[in-house]
Amino acid sequence: MPLRTPVPEIDFQALRNGQRRALAKAITLIESSHPSHRKQAAALLERCLPHSGQSLRIGISGVPGVGKSTFIEAFGLFLIGLGKRVGVLAVDPSSPLHGGSILGDKTRMERLSREDHAFIRPSPAGRSLGGVANRTREAILVAESAGFDVILVETVGVGQSEYEVHSMTDLFLVLMQPGAGDELQGIKKGILELADLIVVNKADGDAERLA
């Protein structure tokens, strides 16, 4: 007989109180592809919906190595300093060969991960295109129902066509490096056309003039 996958027990009141353990378990349930979990996941989302929609959702995208995780940690700490509760949903690329994912974004946000008013959840992109994971939209709703004031969605390192996070967030921010392309590159359509804000990162030192 095949092994039966247990259905995670979700304490909804603990989730509503913002307990990070309950939120982590809820997102695990939402992201599960096991058929036995789908009914409970749908019921959980139905309970979360009335408590969602109050957070500021910010999508953060950019090419690999531009410094998204470093920027998010600094920005998250700034928001916490303003008295906000910050949830970070980080999407990591999955291997096209074996489907595995390192889920290493949290290790780049060590200071932020130690904050009581922060929650960081790395998730694998799987086979999903567009820079986000299959259940990123649902994970946002669950995090909002846990009372987080700001939800930061970090996409995988993307090119010009991965902009699905734009439809999920209130503000779409694209990070760029100094000298990333010429004038022609700058007017190409795609992800930059949808960006609400373009941030030039790593623009200190010798790169300041180039930026």
N, C-alpha and C. Protein backbone atom coordinates (compact mmCIF):
# COMPACT_ATOMS: atom_id res chain seq x y z
N MET A 1 0.84 -1.20 0.00
CA MET A 1 0.00 0.00 0.00
C MET A 1 0.87 1.26 0.00
N PRO A 2 0.46 2.30 -0.75
CA PRO A 2 1.24 3.54 -0.74
C PRO A 2 1.13 4.23 0.61
N LEU A 3 2.19 4.92 1.00
CA LEU A 3 2.16 5.66 2.25
C LEU A 3 1.15 6.80 2.16
N ARG A 4 0.40 6.98 3.21
CA ARG A 4 -0.59 8.05 3.24
C ARG A 4 0.05 9.32 3.80
N THR A 5 -0.14 10.42 3.08
CA THR A 5 0.41 11.69 3.54
C THR A 5 -0.56 12.35 4.51
N PRO A 6 -0.16 12.60 5.76
CA PRO A 6 -1.09 13.18 6.73
C PRO A 6 -1.47 14.60 6.36
N VAL A 7 -2.70 14.97 6.68
CA VAL A 7 -3.17 16.32 6.42
C VAL A 7 -2.72 17.21 7.58
N PRO A 8 -1.98 18.30 7.31
CA PRO A 8 -1.51 19.16 8.39
C PRO A 8 -2.68 19.78 9.16
N GLU A 9 -2.54 19.82 10.48
CA GLU A 9 -3.55 20.47 11.31
C GLU A 9 -3.24 21.96 11.40
N ILE A 10 -4.19 22.77 11.00
CA ILE A 10 -3.99 24.22 10.99
C ILE A 10 -4.81 24.85 12.11
N ASP A 11 -4.15 25.54 13.01
CA ASP A 11 -4.82 26.29 14.07
C ASP A 11 -5.15 27.67 13.50
N PHE A 12 -6.41 27.85 13.08
CA PHE A 12 -6.76 29.09 12.39
C PHE A 12 -6.65 30.31 13.30
N GLN A 13 -6.99 30.16 14.57
CA GLN A 13 -6.89 31.29 15.48
C GLN A 13 -5.44 31.70 15.68
N ALA A 14 -4.55 30.70 15.75
CA ALA A 14 -3.12 31.01 15.86
C ALA A 14 -2.63 31.72 14.60
N LEU A 15 -3.15 31.30 13.45
CA LEU A 15 -2.82 31.98 12.20
C LEU A 15 -3.28 33.42 12.22
N ARG A 16 -4.51 33.65 12.67
CA ARG A 16 -5.05 35.01 12.73
C ARG A 16 -4.28 35.87 13.73
N ASN A 17 -3.71 35.23 14.74
CA ASN A 17 -2.92 35.96 15.74
C ASN A 17 -1.51 36.25 15.25
N GLY A 18 -1.19 35.79 14.05
CA GLY A 18 0.11 36.08 13.46
C GLY A 18 1.23 35.17 13.90
N GLN A 19 0.90 34.00 14.45
CA GLN A 19 1.95 33.07 14.86
C GLN A 19 2.64 32.49 13.63
N ARG A 20 3.94 32.63 13.58
CA ARG A 20 4.68 32.26 12.38
C ARG A 20 4.65 30.75 12.11
N ARG A 21 4.64 29.95 13.16
CA ARG A 21 4.58 28.50 12.97
C ARG A 21 3.27 28.11 12.28
N ALA A 22 2.17 28.72 12.72
CA ALA A 22 0.87 28.43 12.11
C ALA A 22 0.85 28.89 10.66
N LEU A 23 1.45 30.05 10.38
CA LEU A 23 1.50 30.57 9.02
C LEU A 23 2.33 29.65 8.12
N ALA A 24 3.46 29.18 8.63
CA ALA A 24 4.31 28.28 7.85
C ALA A 24 3.57 26.99 7.51
N LYS A 25 2.84 26.43 8.47
CA LYS A 25 2.08 25.21 8.23
C LYS A 25 0.97 25.45 7.22
N ALA A 26 0.34 26.63 7.31
CA ALA A 26 -0.75 26.95 6.39
C ALA A 26 -0.23 27.06 4.95
N ILE A 27 0.91 27.70 4.76
CA ILE A 27 1.47 27.83 3.42
C ILE A 27 1.91 26.47 2.89
N THR A 28 2.45 25.63 3.77
CA THR A 28 2.81 24.27 3.36
C THR A 28 1.59 23.52 2.84
N LEU A 29 0.47 23.67 3.53
CA LEU A 29 -0.76 23.03 3.07
C LEU A 29 -1.21 23.59 1.73
N ILE A 30 -1.17 24.91 1.58
CA ILE A 30 -1.59 25.56 0.34
C ILE A 30 -0.72 25.11 -0.83
N GLU A 31 0.57 24.94 -0.59
CA GLU A 31 1.50 24.59 -1.66
C GLU A 31 1.51 23.10 -1.99
N SER A 32 0.94 22.30 -1.12
CA SER A 32 0.97 20.85 -1.32
C SER A 32 0.23 20.45 -2.60
N SER A 33 0.82 19.54 -3.34
CA SER A 33 0.18 19.02 -4.56
C SER A 33 -0.49 17.68 -4.31
N HIS A 34 -0.49 17.22 -3.06
CA HIS A 34 -1.10 15.93 -2.75
C HIS A 34 -2.62 16.04 -2.84
N PRO A 35 -3.27 15.14 -3.54
CA PRO A 35 -4.73 15.23 -3.73
C PRO A 35 -5.51 15.29 -2.41
N SER A 36 -5.03 14.61 -1.38
CA SER A 36 -5.76 14.58 -0.11
C SER A 36 -5.73 15.92 0.62
N HIS A 37 -4.88 16.83 0.19
CA HIS A 37 -4.75 18.13 0.85
C HIS A 37 -5.59 19.22 0.19
N ARG A 38 -6.05 18.99 -1.02
CA ARG A 38 -6.68 20.07 -1.77
C ARG A 38 -7.97 20.58 -1.13
N LYS A 39 -8.78 19.66 -0.60
CA LYS A 39 -10.06 20.07 -0.01
C LYS A 39 -9.82 20.94 1.22
N GLN A 40 -8.89 20.54 2.09
CA GLN A 40 -8.60 21.33 3.28
C GLN A 40 -7.96 22.67 2.91
N ALA A 41 -7.12 22.67 1.88
CA ALA A 41 -6.49 23.92 1.44
C ALA A 41 -7.55 24.90 0.93
N ALA A 42 -8.51 24.39 0.17
CA ALA A 42 -9.58 25.25 -0.34
C ALA A 42 -10.42 25.81 0.81
N ALA A 43 -10.69 24.99 1.82
CA ALA A 43 -11.46 25.45 2.97
C ALA A 43 -10.70 26.51 3.75
N LEU A 44 -9.38 26.33 3.87
CA LEU A 44 -8.56 27.31 4.57
C LEU A 44 -8.56 28.65 3.84
N LEU A 45 -8.42 28.61 2.52
CA LEU A 45 -8.44 29.85 1.74
C LEU A 45 -9.77 30.57 1.88
N GLU A 46 -10.84 29.81 1.93
CA GLU A 46 -12.17 30.42 2.08
C GLU A 46 -12.28 31.16 3.41
N ARG A 47 -11.67 30.61 4.45
CA ARG A 47 -11.69 31.28 5.75
C ARG A 47 -10.77 32.49 5.77
N CYS A 48 -9.70 32.43 4.99
CA CYS A 48 -8.73 33.54 4.98
C CYS A 48 -9.21 34.74 4.18
N LEU A 49 -10.00 34.49 3.15
CA LEU A 49 -10.39 35.56 2.22
C LEU A 49 -10.98 36.79 2.90
N PRO A 50 -11.91 36.65 3.87
CA PRO A 50 -12.47 37.85 4.50
C PRO A 50 -11.45 38.69 5.25
N HIS A 51 -10.31 38.11 5.57
CA HIS A 51 -9.29 38.81 6.35
C HIS A 51 -8.11 39.26 5.49
N SER A 52 -8.24 39.16 4.18
CA SER A 52 -7.15 39.53 3.28
C SER A 52 -7.45 40.87 2.61
N GLY A 53 -6.48 41.36 1.87
CA GLY A 53 -6.68 42.59 1.09
C GLY A 53 -6.32 43.87 1.82
N GLN A 54 -5.84 43.77 3.07
CA GLN A 54 -5.51 44.97 3.83
C GLN A 54 -4.02 45.31 3.80
N SER A 55 -3.21 44.41 3.29
CA SER A 55 -1.76 44.62 3.29
C SER A 55 -1.30 45.36 2.03
N LEU A 56 -0.14 45.97 2.13
CA LEU A 56 0.53 46.52 0.95
C LEU A 56 1.37 45.41 0.34
N ARG A 57 1.09 45.07 -0.91
CA ARG A 57 1.82 44.00 -1.60
C ARG A 57 2.85 44.62 -2.54
N ILE A 58 4.09 44.22 -2.37
CA ILE A 58 5.17 44.75 -3.21
C ILE A 58 5.90 43.60 -3.87
N GLY A 59 5.91 43.59 -5.20
CA GLY A 59 6.66 42.60 -5.95
C GLY A 59 8.04 43.13 -6.27
N ILE A 60 9.07 42.31 -6.07
CA ILE A 60 10.45 42.74 -6.29
C ILE A 60 11.11 41.75 -7.24
N SER A 61 11.58 42.27 -8.38
CA SER A 61 12.13 41.41 -9.42
C SER A 61 13.45 41.98 -9.91
N GLY A 62 14.14 41.20 -10.72
CA GLY A 62 15.42 41.62 -11.27
C GLY A 62 16.24 40.42 -11.69
N VAL A 63 17.30 40.68 -12.41
CA VAL A 63 18.13 39.59 -12.92
C VAL A 63 18.88 38.92 -11.78
N PRO A 64 19.36 37.68 -11.96
CA PRO A 64 20.14 37.02 -10.91
C PRO A 64 21.38 37.83 -10.54
N GLY A 65 21.64 37.95 -9.24
CA GLY A 65 22.83 38.64 -8.77
C GLY A 65 22.69 40.14 -8.61
N VAL A 66 21.49 40.67 -8.85
CA VAL A 66 21.31 42.12 -8.75
C VAL A 66 21.22 42.57 -7.29
N GLY A 67 20.99 41.64 -6.37
CA GLY A 67 20.94 42.00 -4.95
C GLY A 67 19.54 42.08 -4.38
N LYS A 68 18.62 41.26 -4.89
CA LYS A 68 17.23 41.32 -4.42
C LYS A 68 17.12 40.97 -2.93
N SER A 69 17.77 39.89 -2.53
CA SER A 69 17.66 39.46 -1.13
C SER A 69 18.29 40.49 -0.18
N THR A 70 19.42 41.04 -0.57
CA THR A 70 20.08 42.06 0.25
C THR A 70 19.21 43.30 0.37
N PHE A 71 18.61 43.70 -0.75
CA PHE A 71 17.72 44.86 -0.74
C PHE A 71 16.51 44.60 0.14
N ILE A 72 15.92 43.41 0.03
CA ILE A 72 14.72 43.08 0.80
C ILE A 72 15.03 43.08 2.29
N GLU A 73 16.19 42.57 2.68
CA GLU A 73 16.53 42.59 4.10
C GLU A 73 16.62 44.02 4.62
N ALA A 74 17.32 44.89 3.89
CA ALA A 74 17.46 46.28 4.32
C ALA A 74 16.10 46.98 4.35
N PHE A 75 15.30 46.75 3.32
CA PHE A 75 13.97 47.38 3.24
C PHE A 75 13.06 46.84 4.33
N GLY A 76 13.11 45.52 4.56
CA GLY A 76 12.29 44.92 5.60
C GLY A 76 12.62 45.45 6.98
N LEU A 77 13.91 45.59 7.27
CA LEU A 77 14.33 46.14 8.56
C LEU A 77 13.87 47.59 8.71
N PHE A 78 13.91 48.34 7.61
CA PHE A 78 13.43 49.72 7.63
C PHE A 78 11.94 49.77 7.96
N LEU A 79 11.15 48.89 7.33
CA LEU A 79 9.71 48.86 7.58
C LEU A 79 9.39 48.46 9.01
N ILE A 80 10.13 47.49 9.52
CA ILE A 80 9.93 47.07 10.91
C ILE A 80 10.24 48.22 11.86
N GLY A 81 11.24 49.02 11.51
CA GLY A 81 11.57 50.20 12.30
C GLY A 81 10.44 51.21 12.33
N LEU A 82 9.57 51.15 11.32
CA LEU A 82 8.40 52.03 11.27
C LEU A 82 7.20 51.41 11.98
N GLY A 83 7.40 50.25 12.58
CA GLY A 83 6.32 49.59 13.31
C GLY A 83 5.48 48.64 12.48
N LYS A 84 5.96 48.25 11.30
CA LYS A 84 5.21 47.36 10.42
C LYS A 84 5.60 45.90 10.65
N ARG A 85 4.67 45.00 10.36
CA ARG A 85 4.96 43.57 10.33
C ARG A 85 5.17 43.18 8.87
N VAL A 86 6.27 42.50 8.59
CA VAL A 86 6.69 42.27 7.21
C VAL A 86 6.73 40.77 6.91
N GLY A 87 6.04 40.38 5.85
CA GLY A 87 6.11 39.01 5.36
C GLY A 87 6.86 38.97 4.04
N VAL A 88 7.80 38.05 3.91
CA VAL A 88 8.59 37.90 2.68
C VAL A 88 8.30 36.53 2.09
N LEU A 89 7.81 36.53 0.86
CA LEU A 89 7.58 35.29 0.12
C LEU A 89 8.61 35.26 -1.00
N ALA A 90 9.64 34.45 -0.82
CA ALA A 90 10.75 34.39 -1.77
C ALA A 90 10.64 33.15 -2.64
N VAL A 91 10.72 33.34 -3.95
CA VAL A 91 10.61 32.22 -4.89
C VAL A 91 11.99 31.87 -5.41
N ASP A 92 12.37 30.62 -5.22
CA ASP A 92 13.68 30.12 -5.67
C ASP A 92 13.53 29.29 -6.93
N PRO A 93 14.48 29.37 -7.85
CA PRO A 93 14.38 28.56 -9.07
C PRO A 93 14.52 27.07 -8.76
N SER A 94 13.86 26.26 -9.57
CA SER A 94 13.94 24.81 -9.46
C SER A 94 14.76 24.25 -10.62
N SER A 95 15.49 23.19 -10.36
CA SER A 95 16.30 22.56 -11.40
C SER A 95 15.41 21.96 -12.48
N PRO A 96 15.69 22.25 -13.76
CA PRO A 96 14.91 21.63 -14.85
C PRO A 96 15.22 20.15 -15.00
N LEU A 97 16.30 19.67 -14.36
CA LEU A 97 16.69 18.27 -14.49
C LEU A 97 16.04 17.39 -13.43
N HIS A 98 16.17 17.80 -12.15
CA HIS A 98 15.64 16.95 -11.08
C HIS A 98 14.58 17.63 -10.24
N GLY A 99 14.27 18.89 -10.52
CA GLY A 99 13.18 19.58 -9.83
C GLY A 99 13.53 20.13 -8.46
N GLY A 100 14.77 19.92 -8.01
CA GLY A 100 15.15 20.38 -6.68
C GLY A 100 15.38 21.88 -6.62
N SER A 101 15.34 22.43 -5.41
CA SER A 101 15.55 23.86 -5.21
C SER A 101 16.33 24.06 -3.92
N ILE A 102 17.28 24.98 -3.92
CA ILE A 102 18.13 25.21 -2.75
C ILE A 102 17.36 25.91 -1.63
N LEU A 103 16.44 26.80 -1.98
CA LEU A 103 15.68 27.58 -1.00
C LEU A 103 16.62 28.33 -0.06
N GLY A 104 17.59 29.02 -0.66
CA GLY A 104 18.63 29.65 0.14
C GLY A 104 18.43 31.13 0.41
N ASP A 105 17.31 31.71 -0.04
CA ASP A 105 17.13 33.15 0.14
C ASP A 105 17.13 33.56 1.61
N LYS A 106 16.58 32.70 2.47
CA LYS A 106 16.48 33.06 3.88
C LYS A 106 17.85 33.23 4.52
N THR A 107 18.83 32.47 4.03
CA THR A 107 20.18 32.58 4.60
C THR A 107 20.82 33.92 4.27
N ARG A 108 20.33 34.59 3.22
CA ARG A 108 20.85 35.92 2.86
C ARG A 108 20.16 37.02 3.65
N MET A 109 19.15 36.67 4.42
CA MET A 109 18.40 37.65 5.21
C MET A 109 18.49 37.30 6.69
N GLU A 110 19.68 37.04 7.16
CA GLU A 110 19.87 36.54 8.53
C GLU A 110 19.35 37.51 9.57
N ARG A 111 19.65 38.78 9.41
CA ARG A 111 19.19 39.77 10.40
C ARG A 111 17.67 39.88 10.39
N LEU A 112 17.09 39.93 9.21
CA LEU A 112 15.64 40.05 9.11
C LEU A 112 14.94 38.82 9.67
N SER A 113 15.52 37.65 9.45
CA SER A 113 14.89 36.41 9.92
C SER A 113 14.84 36.31 11.44
N ARG A 114 15.69 37.08 12.12
CA ARG A 114 15.69 37.06 13.59
C ARG A 114 14.69 38.03 14.20
N GLU A 115 14.07 38.85 13.37
CA GLU A 115 13.11 39.84 13.86
C GLU A 115 11.76 39.17 14.18
N ASP A 116 11.19 39.54 15.34
CA ASP A 116 9.90 38.98 15.74
C ASP A 116 8.77 39.40 14.81
N HIS A 117 8.91 40.55 14.17
CA HIS A 117 7.85 41.07 13.32
C HIS A 117 8.09 40.78 11.84
N ALA A 118 8.92 39.78 11.56
CA ALA A 118 9.19 39.39 10.18
C ALA A 118 8.91 37.90 10.00
N PHE A 119 8.48 37.56 8.80
CA PHE A 119 8.27 36.16 8.42
C PHE A 119 8.85 35.98 7.03
N ILE A 120 9.72 34.99 6.86
CA ILE A 120 10.34 34.73 5.56
C ILE A 120 10.03 33.31 5.13
N ARG A 121 9.46 33.16 3.96
CA ARG A 121 9.10 31.84 3.46
C ARG A 121 9.67 31.65 2.05
N PRO A 122 10.72 30.84 1.88
CA PRO A 122 11.18 30.50 0.53
C PRO A 122 10.35 29.37 -0.04
N SER A 123 10.04 29.44 -1.32
CA SER A 123 9.25 28.41 -1.99
C SER A 123 9.87 28.11 -3.35
N PRO A 124 9.83 26.86 -3.78
CA PRO A 124 10.38 26.52 -5.10
C PRO A 124 9.46 26.97 -6.22
N ALA A 125 10.04 27.42 -7.32
CA ALA A 125 9.23 27.83 -8.47
C ALA A 125 8.58 26.63 -9.15
N GLY A 126 9.22 25.46 -9.03
CA GLY A 126 8.70 24.28 -9.72
C GLY A 126 8.70 24.49 -11.22
N ARG A 127 7.62 24.09 -11.85
CA ARG A 127 7.51 24.25 -13.30
C ARG A 127 6.81 25.54 -13.69
N SER A 128 6.50 26.35 -12.71
CA SER A 128 5.79 27.60 -12.97
C SER A 128 6.71 28.60 -13.66
N LEU A 129 6.19 29.27 -14.68
CA LEU A 129 6.91 30.34 -15.36
C LEU A 129 6.40 31.68 -14.85
N GLY A 130 7.07 32.74 -15.20
CA GLY A 130 6.60 34.06 -14.80
C GLY A 130 7.31 34.61 -13.58
N GLY A 131 8.26 33.86 -13.01
CA GLY A 131 9.04 34.38 -11.90
C GLY A 131 8.49 34.06 -10.52
N VAL A 132 7.29 33.45 -10.45
CA VAL A 132 6.68 33.13 -9.16
C VAL A 132 6.39 31.64 -9.09
N ALA A 133 5.88 31.19 -7.94
CA ALA A 133 5.53 29.79 -7.77
C ALA A 133 4.05 29.57 -8.09
N ASN A 134 3.65 28.31 -8.15
CA ASN A 134 2.26 27.98 -8.50
C ASN A 134 1.25 28.57 -7.53
N ARG A 135 1.62 28.64 -6.25
CA ARG A 135 0.67 29.07 -5.22
C ARG A 135 1.07 30.39 -4.56
N THR A 136 1.83 31.21 -5.24
CA THR A 136 2.24 32.47 -4.64
C THR A 136 1.05 33.36 -4.32
N ARG A 137 0.10 33.42 -5.21
CA ARG A 137 -1.08 34.28 -4.98
C ARG A 137 -1.83 33.84 -3.72
N GLU A 138 -2.01 32.52 -3.57
CA GLU A 138 -2.70 32.00 -2.40
C GLU A 138 -1.89 32.23 -1.12
N ALA A 139 -0.56 32.11 -1.23
CA ALA A 139 0.30 32.35 -0.06
C ALA A 139 0.19 33.80 0.40
N ILE A 140 0.03 34.72 -0.53
CA ILE A 140 -0.16 36.13 -0.18
C ILE A 140 -1.43 36.29 0.66
N LEU A 141 -2.52 35.66 0.24
CA LEU A 141 -3.78 35.76 0.97
C LEU A 141 -3.65 35.23 2.39
N VAL A 142 -2.96 34.10 2.53
CA VAL A 142 -2.78 33.51 3.85
C VAL A 142 -1.93 34.42 4.74
N ALA A 143 -0.86 34.98 4.19
CA ALA A 143 0.00 35.88 4.96
C ALA A 143 -0.76 37.14 5.37
N GLU A 144 -1.62 37.63 4.51
CA GLU A 144 -2.43 38.80 4.85
C GLU A 144 -3.38 38.50 5.99
N SER A 145 -3.96 37.30 5.97
CA SER A 145 -4.90 36.94 7.03
C SER A 145 -4.19 36.79 8.37
N ALA A 146 -2.87 36.61 8.35
CA ALA A 146 -2.09 36.53 9.58
C ALA A 146 -1.71 37.91 10.11
N GLY A 147 -2.15 38.97 9.43
CA GLY A 147 -1.99 40.31 9.95
C GLY A 147 -0.71 41.03 9.57
N PHE A 148 -0.03 40.57 8.52
CA PHE A 148 1.18 41.27 8.11
C PHE A 148 0.82 42.52 7.32
N ASP A 149 1.48 43.62 7.66
CA ASP A 149 1.15 44.91 7.05
C ASP A 149 1.69 45.04 5.64
N VAL A 150 2.87 44.48 5.40
CA VAL A 150 3.52 44.56 4.09
C VAL A 150 3.95 43.16 3.67
N ILE A 151 3.60 42.78 2.45
CA ILE A 151 4.01 41.50 1.89
C ILE A 151 4.99 41.78 0.75
N LEU A 152 6.22 41.30 0.89
CA LEU A 152 7.24 41.46 -0.15
C LEU A 152 7.38 40.14 -0.89
N VAL A 153 7.15 40.16 -2.19
CA VAL A 153 7.25 38.95 -3.01
C VAL A 153 8.50 39.05 -3.86
N GLU A 154 9.48 38.21 -3.56
CA GLU A 154 10.73 38.20 -4.33
C GLU A 154 10.64 37.12 -5.40
N THR A 155 10.78 37.50 -6.65
CA THR A 155 10.71 36.53 -7.74
C THR A 155 12.07 35.85 -7.92
N VAL A 156 12.08 34.80 -8.72
CA VAL A 156 13.35 34.21 -9.14
C VAL A 156 14.07 35.24 -10.00
N GLY A 157 15.36 35.06 -10.23
CA GLY A 157 16.08 35.95 -11.13
C GLY A 157 15.48 35.86 -12.51
N VAL A 158 15.04 36.99 -13.06
CA VAL A 158 14.25 36.97 -14.29
C VAL A 158 14.90 37.77 -15.41
N GLY A 159 14.33 37.59 -16.60
CA GLY A 159 14.75 38.35 -17.77
C GLY A 159 13.71 39.40 -18.10
N GLN A 160 13.33 39.49 -19.38
CA GLN A 160 12.43 40.56 -19.81
C GLN A 160 10.96 40.13 -19.86
N SER A 161 10.68 38.84 -19.71
CA SER A 161 9.30 38.39 -19.94
C SER A 161 8.63 37.80 -18.71
N GLU A 162 9.32 37.73 -17.56
CA GLU A 162 8.74 37.14 -16.37
C GLU A 162 8.16 38.23 -15.47
N TYR A 163 6.87 38.49 -15.62
CA TYR A 163 6.28 39.60 -14.87
C TYR A 163 4.92 39.25 -14.29
N GLU A 164 4.69 37.98 -14.00
CA GLU A 164 3.39 37.57 -13.46
C GLU A 164 3.12 38.21 -12.10
N VAL A 165 4.18 38.49 -11.34
CA VAL A 165 4.00 39.08 -10.02
C VAL A 165 3.34 40.45 -10.10
N HIS A 166 3.43 41.10 -11.25
CA HIS A 166 2.81 42.41 -11.43
C HIS A 166 1.32 42.37 -11.16
N SER A 167 0.66 41.28 -11.56
CA SER A 167 -0.80 41.17 -11.39
C SER A 167 -1.19 40.80 -9.97
N MET A 168 -0.22 40.47 -9.12
CA MET A 168 -0.51 40.03 -7.75
C MET A 168 -0.25 41.11 -6.72
N THR A 169 0.40 42.20 -7.13
CA THR A 169 0.90 43.16 -6.15
C THR A 169 0.40 44.57 -6.44
N ASP A 170 0.51 45.43 -5.42
CA ASP A 170 0.12 46.83 -5.56
C ASP A 170 1.23 47.67 -6.17
N LEU A 171 2.47 47.27 -5.91
CA LEU A 171 3.63 48.00 -6.40
C LEU A 171 4.63 47.00 -6.96
N PHE A 172 5.05 47.22 -8.19
CA PHE A 172 5.98 46.30 -8.85
C PHE A 172 7.32 47.01 -9.01
N LEU A 173 8.32 46.51 -8.32
CA LEU A 173 9.63 47.14 -8.26
C LEU A 173 10.65 46.26 -8.97
N VAL A 174 11.43 46.85 -9.87
CA VAL A 174 12.46 46.12 -10.59
C VAL A 174 13.83 46.67 -10.22
N LEU A 175 14.70 45.78 -9.77
CA LEU A 175 16.08 46.16 -9.44
C LEU A 175 16.97 45.99 -10.66
N MET A 176 17.85 46.95 -10.88
CA MET A 176 18.80 46.88 -11.98
C MET A 176 20.20 47.23 -11.48
N GLN A 177 21.20 46.79 -12.23
CA GLN A 177 22.59 47.10 -11.90
C GLN A 177 23.09 48.22 -12.81
N PRO A 178 24.06 49.00 -12.35
CA PRO A 178 24.65 50.02 -13.23
C PRO A 178 25.24 49.37 -14.48
N GLY A 179 25.02 50.02 -15.62
CA GLY A 179 25.59 49.53 -16.87
C GLY A 179 24.90 48.31 -17.43
N ALA A 180 23.66 48.06 -17.01
CA ALA A 180 22.94 46.87 -17.49
C ALA A 180 22.27 47.15 -18.82
N GLY A 181 23.05 47.27 -19.89
CA GLY A 181 22.49 47.47 -21.22
C GLY A 181 22.63 48.89 -21.71
N ASP A 182 22.53 49.05 -23.03
CA ASP A 182 22.64 50.38 -23.64
C ASP A 182 21.27 51.01 -23.79
N GLU A 183 21.19 52.12 -24.55
CA GLU A 183 19.93 52.82 -24.72
C GLU A 183 18.87 51.94 -25.37
N LEU A 184 19.26 51.13 -26.34
CA LEU A 184 18.30 50.25 -27.00
C LEU A 184 17.73 49.23 -26.02
N GLN A 185 18.60 48.68 -25.19
CA GLN A 185 18.14 47.73 -24.18
C GLN A 185 17.14 48.39 -23.23
N GLY A 186 17.37 49.67 -22.95
CA GLY A 186 16.53 50.38 -22.01
C GLY A 186 15.12 50.65 -22.49
N ILE A 187 14.90 50.64 -23.81
CA ILE A 187 13.56 50.93 -24.32
C ILE A 187 12.82 49.68 -24.77
N LYS A 188 13.44 48.51 -24.60
CA LYS A 188 12.75 47.28 -24.96
C LYS A 188 11.53 47.09 -24.08
N LYS A 189 10.48 46.49 -24.67
CA LYS A 189 9.27 46.23 -23.91
C LYS A 189 9.47 45.02 -23.01
N GLY A 190 8.51 44.79 -22.14
CA GLY A 190 8.61 43.63 -21.26
C GLY A 190 8.49 44.05 -19.81
N ILE A 191 9.33 43.47 -18.98
CA ILE A 191 9.22 43.68 -17.55
C ILE A 191 9.38 45.14 -17.14
N LEU A 192 10.25 45.90 -17.84
CA LEU A 192 10.45 47.30 -17.48
C LEU A 192 9.24 48.15 -17.81
N GLU A 193 8.49 47.74 -18.80
CA GLU A 193 7.29 48.49 -19.18
C GLU A 193 6.23 48.44 -18.08
N LEU A 194 6.22 47.37 -17.30
CA LEU A 194 5.22 47.20 -16.25
C LEU A 194 5.70 47.67 -14.89
N ALA A 195 6.98 47.98 -14.77
CA ALA A 195 7.53 48.37 -13.47
C ALA A 195 6.95 49.70 -12.99
N ASP A 196 6.52 49.75 -11.73
CA ASP A 196 6.09 51.00 -11.12
C ASP A 196 7.29 51.80 -10.63
N LEU A 197 8.35 51.09 -10.31
CA LEU A 197 9.54 51.74 -9.77
C LEU A 197 10.77 50.94 -10.19
N ILE A 198 11.78 51.63 -10.68
CA ILE A 198 13.05 51.00 -11.04
C ILE A 198 14.11 51.48 -10.06
N VAL A 199 14.75 50.54 -9.40
CA VAL A 199 15.79 50.86 -8.41
C VAL A 199 17.13 50.40 -8.95
N VAL A 200 18.08 51.32 -9.04
CA VAL A 200 19.44 50.96 -9.46
C VAL A 200 20.21 50.56 -8.21
N ASN A 201 20.50 49.29 -8.10
CA ASN A 201 21.18 48.74 -6.93
C ASN A 201 22.69 48.62 -7.21
N LYS A 202 23.46 48.46 -6.15
CA LYS A 202 24.92 48.32 -6.26
C LYS A 202 25.53 49.52 -7.00
N ALA A 203 25.01 50.71 -6.70
CA ALA A 203 25.45 51.91 -7.40
C ALA A 203 26.43 52.73 -6.56
N ASP A 204 27.15 52.05 -5.67
CA ASP A 204 28.11 52.78 -4.86
C ASP A 204 29.53 52.59 -5.42
N GLY A 205 30.48 53.26 -4.83
CA GLY A 205 31.88 53.11 -5.25
C GLY A 205 32.10 53.53 -6.69
N ASP A 206 32.86 52.73 -7.43
CA ASP A 206 33.19 53.06 -8.82
C ASP A 206 31.99 53.00 -9.74
N ALA A 207 30.92 52.33 -9.31
CA ALA A 207 29.74 52.19 -10.17
C ALA A 207 28.80 53.38 -10.07
N GLU A 208 29.08 54.33 -9.18
CA GLU A 208 28.15 55.44 -8.96
C GLU A 208 27.99 56.29 -10.22
N ARG A 209 29.09 56.62 -10.89
CA ARG A 209 29.00 57.44 -12.09
C ARG A 209 28.29 56.69 -13.21
N LEU A 210 28.55 55.39 -13.32
CA LEU A 210 27.92 54.58 -14.36
C LEU A 210 26.42 54.49 -14.16
N ALA A 211 25.99 54.47 -12.89
CA ALA A 211 24.57 54.39 -12.59
C ALA A 211 23.84 55.64 -13.05
